[in-house]
Amino acid sequence: MTLLSTVILWLFVLNLGVSFGAGLYESRIAVPQWLTFSQSDGYRWNAAAAREADVGRRFWALVTTGPLTLLTLASLACAWLAPAPVHAWWLAAALCALVDRVLTFGYFIPTMIRLMRDVQPESAAVATARRWVRLGALRHVATLAAWLAALEALVRSGG
């Protein structure tokens, strides 16, 4: 593998690890501040809290929206040309990351923008937010699978 390919693979592994950890953190710490639950009121969507946190622009844009998307595309190209011991694992990682990127741009970002605008009735916002959270688990699985496959590709590359 070339030095450039090795650097791209290392950056891909590191970025996927940060993305996976940050996604779990967001799910466990941030989301419960936006989508709250009480026995008396049930679920409530707090658009103001989501807007105040603004994690999409304050964090995700810097870590995944741009960087992970570019690393995913670069990884698709590099994995295609990688030698046999690395090729399949890196390609699998890039394809899993591509699934995450498609879900992110096609569903998660537009849905969160709508939720933060607070233009839906409360019941619709709660239903949308709960679906966003449930589908987030799929994104976590895709990111984890990409990270583990990329780690295996890195090990096999000797990098």
C-alpha atoms as a PDB file:
ATOM      1  CA  MET A   1       0.000   0.000   0.000  1.00  0.00           C
ATOM      2  CA  THR A   2       1.133   3.548  -0.648  1.00  0.00           C
ATOM      3  CA  LEU A   3       1.865   6.006   2.144  1.00  0.00           C
ATOM      4  CA  LEU A   4      -1.221   8.006   1.136  1.00  0.00           C
ATOM      5  CA  SER A   5      -3.439   4.903   1.383  1.00  0.00           C
ATOM      6  CA  THR A   6      -2.024   4.071   4.786  1.00  0.00           C
ATOM      7  CA  VAL A   7      -2.662   7.608   6.034  1.00  0.00           C
ATOM      8  CA  ILE A   8      -6.230   7.539   4.701  1.00  0.00           C
ATOM      9  CA  LEU A   9      -6.867   4.193   6.390  1.00  0.00           C
ATOM     10  CA  TRP A  10      -5.455   5.451   9.712  1.00  0.00           C
ATOM     11  CA  LEU A  11      -7.560   8.635   9.536  1.00  0.00           C
ATOM     12  CA  PHE A  12     -10.622   6.576   8.595  1.00  0.00           C
ATOM     13  CA  VAL A  13     -10.134   4.284  11.617  1.00  0.00           C
ATOM     14  CA  LEU A  14      -9.597   7.205  13.980  1.00  0.00           C
ATOM     15  CA  ASN A  15     -12.551   9.184  12.670  1.00  0.00           C
ATOM     16  CA  LEU A  16     -14.881   6.176  12.817  1.00  0.00           C
ATOM     17  CA  GLY A  17     -13.849   5.531  16.430  1.00  0.00           C
ATOM     18  CA  VAL A  18     -14.540   9.119  17.429  1.00  0.00           C
ATOM     19  CA  SER A  19     -17.813   9.087  15.512  1.00  0.00           C
ATOM     20  CA  PHE A  20     -18.993   5.878  17.159  1.00  0.00           C
ATOM     21  CA  GLY A  21     -18.097   7.069  20.656  1.00  0.00           C
ATOM     22  CA  ALA A  22     -19.643  10.474  20.101  1.00  0.00           C
ATOM     23  CA  GLY A  23     -22.805   8.887  18.736  1.00  0.00           C
ATOM     24  CA  LEU A  24     -23.173   6.778  21.875  1.00  0.00           C
ATOM     25  CA  TYR A  25     -22.517   9.846  24.026  1.00  0.00           C
ATOM     26  CA  GLU A  26     -25.147  11.837  22.160  1.00  0.00           C
ATOM     27  CA  SER A  27     -27.679   9.012  22.535  1.00  0.00           C
ATOM     28  CA  ARG A  28     -27.109   8.611  26.271  1.00  0.00           C
ATOM     29  CA  ILE A  29     -26.422  12.208  27.362  1.00  0.00           C
ATOM     30  CA  ALA A  30     -27.726  14.772  24.857  1.00  0.00           C
ATOM     31  CA  VAL A  31     -30.850  13.155  23.408  1.00  0.00           C
ATOM     32  CA  PRO A  32     -32.512  12.635  26.825  1.00  0.00           C
ATOM     33  CA  GLN A  33     -32.363  16.414  27.257  1.00  0.00           C
ATOM     34  CA  TRP A  34     -34.255  16.919  24.008  1.00  0.00           C
ATOM     35  CA  LEU A  35     -36.704  14.035  24.247  1.00  0.00           C
ATOM     36  CA  THR A  36     -37.790  13.765  27.854  1.00  0.00           C
ATOM     37  CA  PHE A  37     -40.099  11.278  29.516  1.00  0.00           C
ATOM     38  CA  SER A  38     -42.147  11.449  32.680  1.00  0.00           C
ATOM     39  CA  GLN A  39     -44.806   9.102  34.032  1.00  0.00           C
ATOM     40  CA  SER A  40     -47.346  11.923  34.218  1.00  0.00           C
ATOM     41  CA  ASP A  41     -46.713  13.616  30.846  1.00  0.00           C
ATOM     42  CA  GLY A  42     -45.206  10.855  28.728  1.00  0.00           C
ATOM     43  CA  TYR A  43     -42.709  11.922  26.069  1.00  0.00           C
ATOM     44  CA  ARG A  44     -42.069  15.602  25.351  1.00  0.00           C
ATOM     45  CA  TRP A  45     -39.920  17.132  22.605  1.00  0.00           C
ATOM     46  CA  ASN A  46     -37.810  20.099  23.719  1.00  0.00           C
ATOM     47  CA  ALA A  47     -36.841  21.898  20.513  1.00  0.00           C
ATOM     48  CA  ALA A  48     -35.271  24.768  22.465  1.00  0.00           C
ATOM     49  CA  ALA A  49     -32.826  22.397  24.165  1.00  0.00           C
ATOM     50  CA  ALA A  50     -31.918  20.812  20.820  1.00  0.00           C
ATOM     51  CA  ARG A  51     -31.386  24.256  19.269  1.00  0.00           C
ATOM     52  CA  GLU A  52     -29.293  25.384  22.229  1.00  0.00           C
ATOM     53  CA  ALA A  53     -27.058  22.299  22.041  1.00  0.00           C
ATOM     54  CA  ASP A  54     -26.863  22.592  18.226  1.00  0.00           C
ATOM     55  CA  VAL A  55     -24.592  19.550  18.088  1.00  0.00           C
ATOM     56  CA  GLY A  56     -24.960  19.311  14.326  1.00  0.00           C
ATOM     57  CA  ARG A  57     -23.022  22.510  13.737  1.00  0.00           C
ATOM     58  CA  ARG A  58     -20.962  22.546  16.921  1.00  0.00           C
ATOM     59  CA  PHE A  59     -19.650  19.006  16.669  1.00  0.00           C
ATOM     60  CA  TRP A  60     -20.933  16.708  13.917  1.00  0.00           C
ATOM     61  CA  ALA A  61     -20.113  19.053  11.019  1.00  0.00           C
ATOM     62  CA  LEU A  62     -16.503  19.186  12.184  1.00  0.00           C
ATOM     63  CA  VAL A  63     -16.118  15.467  12.862  1.00  0.00           C
ATOM     64  CA  THR A  64     -18.315  13.566  10.438  1.00  0.00           C
ATOM     65  CA  THR A  65     -20.340  15.662   8.027  1.00  0.00           C
ATOM     66  CA  GLY A  66     -17.254  16.797   6.151  1.00  0.00           C
ATOM     67  CA  PRO A  67     -14.306  14.690   7.318  1.00  0.00           C
ATOM     68  CA  LEU A  68     -15.952  11.256   7.560  1.00  0.00           C
ATOM     69  CA  THR A  69     -17.751  11.773   4.273  1.00  0.00           C
ATOM     70  CA  LEU A  70     -14.489  12.631   2.506  1.00  0.00           C
ATOM     71  CA  LEU A  71     -12.646   9.765   4.211  1.00  0.00           C
ATOM     72  CA  THR A  72     -15.433   7.365   3.225  1.00  0.00           C
ATOM     73  CA  LEU A  73     -15.190   8.391  -0.432  1.00  0.00           C
ATOM     74  CA  ALA A  74     -11.385   8.247  -0.350  1.00  0.00           C
ATOM     75  CA  SER A  75     -11.587   4.838   1.327  1.00  0.00           C
ATOM     76  CA  LEU A  76     -13.870   3.493  -1.381  1.00  0.00           C
ATOM     77  CA  ALA A  77     -11.279   4.431  -3.990  1.00  0.00           C
ATOM     78  CA  CYS A  78      -8.271   3.242  -1.968  1.00  0.00           C
ATOM     79  CA  ALA A  79      -9.941   0.003  -0.861  1.00  0.00           C
ATOM     80  CA  TRP A  80     -10.753  -0.857  -4.457  1.00  0.00           C
ATOM     81  CA  LEU A  81      -7.059  -0.677  -5.294  1.00  0.00           C
ATOM     82  CA  ALA A  82      -5.757  -2.184  -2.028  1.00  0.00           C
ATOM     83  CA  PRO A  83      -3.951  -5.531  -1.984  1.00  0.00           C
ATOM     84  CA  ALA A  84      -5.877  -8.730  -1.246  1.00  0.00           C
ATOM     85  CA  PRO A  85      -5.334  -8.986   2.520  1.00  0.00           C
ATOM     86  CA  VAL A  86      -6.736  -5.472   3.009  1.00  0.00           C
ATOM     87  CA  HIS A  87      -9.129  -5.054   0.084  1.00  0.00           C
ATOM     88  CA  ALA A  88     -12.217  -6.889   1.372  1.00  0.00           C
ATOM     89  CA  TRP A  89     -12.071  -5.513   4.923  1.00  0.00           C
ATOM     90  CA  TRP A  90     -11.458  -1.931   3.859  1.00  0.00           C
ATOM     91  CA  LEU A  91     -14.150  -2.107   1.195  1.00  0.00           C
ATOM     92  CA  ALA A  92     -16.616  -3.526   3.749  1.00  0.00           C
ATOM     93  CA  ALA A  93     -15.719  -0.714   6.145  1.00  0.00           C
ATOM     94  CA  ALA A  94     -16.172   1.930   3.467  1.00  0.00           C
ATOM     95  CA  LEU A  95     -19.517   0.475   2.383  1.00  0.00           C
ATOM     96  CA  CYS A  96     -20.791   0.400   5.983  1.00  0.00           C
ATOM     97  CA  ALA A  97     -19.647   3.992   6.431  1.00  0.00           C
ATOM     98  CA  LEU A  98     -21.377   4.874   3.164  1.00  0.00           C
ATOM     99  CA  VAL A  99     -24.630   3.457   4.572  1.00  0.00           C
ATOM    100  CA  ASP A 100     -24.159   5.735   7.592  1.00  0.00           C
ATOM    101  CA  ARG A 101     -23.462   8.744   5.355  1.00  0.00           C
ATOM    102  CA  VAL A 102     -26.548   8.081   3.182  1.00  0.00           C
ATOM    103  CA  LEU A 103     -28.750   7.722   6.281  1.00  0.00           C
ATOM    104  CA  THR A 104     -27.241  10.852   7.786  1.00  0.00           C
ATOM    105  CA  PHE A 105     -27.739  13.097   4.767  1.00  0.00           C
ATOM    106  CA  GLY A 106     -30.986  11.498   3.605  1.00  0.00           C
ATOM    107  CA  TYR A 107     -32.800  11.261   6.932  1.00  0.00           C
ATOM    108  CA  PHE A 108     -31.034  12.309  10.138  1.00  0.00           C
ATOM    109  CA  ILE A 109     -29.905  15.832   9.252  1.00  0.00           C
ATOM    110  CA  PRO A 110     -33.138  16.922   7.516  1.00  0.00           C
ATOM    111  CA  THR A 111     -35.279  15.412  10.266  1.00  0.00           C
ATOM    112  CA  MET A 112     -33.324  17.112  13.056  1.00  0.00           C
ATOM    113  CA  ILE A 113     -33.543  20.439  11.226  1.00  0.00           C
ATOM    114  CA  ARG A 114     -37.332  20.059  11.078  1.00  0.00           C
ATOM    115  CA  LEU A 115     -37.469  19.076  14.751  1.00  0.00           C
ATOM    116  CA  MET A 116     -35.362  22.049  15.790  1.00  0.00           C
ATOM    117  CA  ARG A 117     -37.613  24.463  13.874  1.00  0.00           C
ATOM    118  CA  ASP A 118     -40.439  23.430  16.217  1.00  0.00           C
ATOM    119  CA  VAL A 119     -43.160  23.842  13.588  1.00  0.00           C
ATOM    120  CA  GLN A 120     -44.934  20.509  14.156  1.00  0.00           C
ATOM    121  CA  PRO A 121     -47.619  19.901  16.752  1.00  0.00           C
ATOM    122  CA  GLU A 122     -46.179  18.341  19.935  1.00  0.00           C
ATOM    123  CA  SER A 123     -47.542  14.849  19.214  1.00  0.00           C
ATOM    124  CA  ALA A 124     -46.042  14.809  15.717  1.00  0.00           C
ATOM    125  CA  ALA A 125     -42.707  16.144  17.000  1.00  0.00           C
ATOM    126  CA  VAL A 126     -42.582  13.445  19.686  1.00  0.00           C
ATOM    127  CA  ALA A 127     -43.375  10.710  17.150  1.00  0.00           C
ATOM    128  CA  THR A 128     -40.714  12.045  14.775  1.00  0.00           C
ATOM    129  CA  ALA A 129     -38.117  12.359  17.549  1.00  0.00           C
ATOM    130  CA  ARG A 130     -38.803   8.842  18.826  1.00  0.00           C
ATOM    131  CA  ARG A 131     -38.412   7.441  15.293  1.00  0.00           C
ATOM    132  CA  TRP A 132     -35.177   9.465  14.899  1.00  0.00           C
ATOM    133  CA  VAL A 133     -33.848   7.900  18.122  1.00  0.00           C
ATOM    134  CA  ARG A 134     -34.870   4.348  17.153  1.00  0.00           C
ATOM    135  CA  LEU A 135     -33.305   4.651  13.709  1.00  0.00           C
ATOM    136  CA  GLY A 136     -30.193   6.083  15.340  1.00  0.00           C
ATOM    137  CA  ALA A 137     -29.457   2.572  16.573  1.00  0.00           C
ATOM    138  CA  LEU A 138     -29.137   1.477  12.937  1.00  0.00           C
ATOM    139  CA  ARG A 139     -26.635   4.257  12.334  1.00  0.00           C
ATOM    140  CA  HIS A 140     -24.647   3.150  15.414  1.00  0.00           C
ATOM    141  CA  VAL A 141     -24.528  -0.412  14.078  1.00  0.00           C
ATOM    142  CA  ALA A 142     -23.335   0.781  10.658  1.00  0.00           C
ATOM    143  CA  THR A 143     -20.625   2.951  12.245  1.00  0.00           C
ATOM    144  CA  LEU A 144     -19.500   0.171  14.582  1.00  0.00           C
ATOM    145  CA  ALA A 145     -19.352  -2.332  11.717  1.00  0.00           C
ATOM    146  CA  ALA A 146     -17.358   0.159   9.635  1.00  0.00           C
ATOM    147  CA  TRP A 147     -14.968   0.849  12.501  1.00  0.00           C
ATOM    148  CA  LEU A 148     -14.334  -2.837  13.269  1.00  0.00           C
ATOM    149  CA  ALA A 149     -13.834  -3.700   9.595  1.00  0.00           C
ATOM    150  CA  ALA A 150     -11.492  -0.721   9.163  1.00  0.00           C
ATOM    151  CA  LEU A 151      -9.504  -1.832  12.210  1.00  0.00           C
ATOM    152  CA  GLU A 152      -9.152  -5.295  10.672  1.00  0.00           C
ATOM    153  CA  ALA A 153      -8.037  -3.734   7.388  1.00  0.00           C
ATOM    154  CA  LEU A 154      -5.452  -1.698   9.293  1.00  0.00           C
ATOM    155  CA  VAL A 155      -4.132  -4.786  11.066  1.00  0.00           C
ATOM    156  CA  ARG A 156      -3.914  -6.695   7.780  1.00  0.00           C
ATOM    157  CA  SER A 157      -2.143  -3.776   6.112  1.00  0.00           C
ATOM    158  CA  GLY A 158       0.654  -3.879   8.664  1.00  0.00           C
ATOM    159  CA  GLY A 159       0.159  -0.132   9.036  1.00  0.00           C
END
